[in-house]
Amino acid sequence: MSAASFGDNEAWYAAGGPEQDVVVSTKIRLSRNLASFPFPEYERGDDGERVQALVFDAFTRMDNPESFQAISTGRLDSLGKRILAERGVIPHESAGRFDPVDGIPPGIVVRSDGRLTCTVNDGDHVRISSFTAGLDPASVWENAHGVDEKMQESLQFAASHEFGYLTSSLSDAGSGMKLTVQVHLPCVSLDGQLLTILETAQARGFTFSSAFGAGTSAGSSLGAYYNVTNNNSFTGNEFDQIASLSSVAVYLADFERNLRAQVAENKPTILRDRVYKSFAAAKFSSFLTERDAIACLSDIKLGIDTGLFSGAGYSDLSALLFRIKEAHLAFIAQSVNFAFEKDVDGSADLMISRMRSLIVHEALERVEVKI
């Protein structure tokens, strides 16, 4: 499998979704382990190979088995692994260890629409993940749960009446469900209210983390994009946990929108200076680093949010966050015969930054500035 297997055609992250002006995406992950095998960390002999064979076989028994592609990550090229990490299929910290010195490499199953994936022997024997744009935990639950139920027709997962599903991480035991929403909170950051929402989310059992790396100020996230994830999977059943996620996401969306109106009214000069500078940088730069592009796109979205810009949809901007990633662009550079300028051609870093700027330029062609 190469990077070509993970193209942009009808990608989930290019679709629209509820609450998308604040909630960029929703992800659910179900962790499961086979009852008759030790956790992956303690596997011996051919345990890993047997687990992978059993899980891969379970996907051949799905109602639409032809829509799933299963492969050992040992057969993935390095670029394919990096793209998987960029798209949240595997953690960035896991990408490097998908080439173990001993034992069988972890496996992965990808559904043809990219909305559902399953890793094998990565922390747990089975980790089913489902993705969607906007705030839609019901649809990701339905996707992941349907596959989980079908797998249990041929596999026995480790569970107990007292603890629920048994997982390699204690915090995942119970439902085995990890829920994450990615949110865009520029006005929360601009108005200095980050600590307020952090404390509220933590009190409700959720943790904030940076979606794209650290921002420019202490505790901030690059572009004010944050991942909000449940602390544990053993408080309430699956539907209680989904309801809690929806509740905190709606709270964050309402909080951001209220601050958005206040910032537009009380700090119009600061707001205009910020979004116009970022628009100019994105529109006219010949080179853009990934960090610069994310920061600029965040401010441009803020301009859309506050009515200072028009002509770009939220789904378009969300898709750009994936299209400007390093591995994605490296794949395009390998696959497309692109004519770079003489002073750019030959330098991998310059070519990637140049391509990123051109992609952003094209996406902003229809954006109109309201003075």
Foldseek 3Di string as FASTA:
>chain_A
DELVLVDDVLAQLLDADPLLLWWFKKKKKFFWAFAVADFLVPGDDCRQVVLLVLQLVLLCQDPCSVQKDKDQCVPYDLLNLVLCCLVPVDPPVCSVCQNPPDDGRKMKMAGSNRQWMWIASPQHRIMIMGMHTDQDPPVRCVVRVSSVVSSVVRTDTDADPVFGGDGSDSQCIARNMKMKIKTQQPLCVVVVNPVVLQVVLVVLQKHKDAPAAAPDDPPAHQLRIIMIIGRGQRDDDPVVVSVSVVVSSVVSSVVRLVSLVVCCVPPVVVLCVLLVVLCCCLQPPQFDDLSSVSNSLSSVSSCVSNVQKDFADSSLSSVLNSCLDDSNLVVCVVVDPDDDDPVQPPDSRSSSRNVNSVVSNVRCVRMDGDD
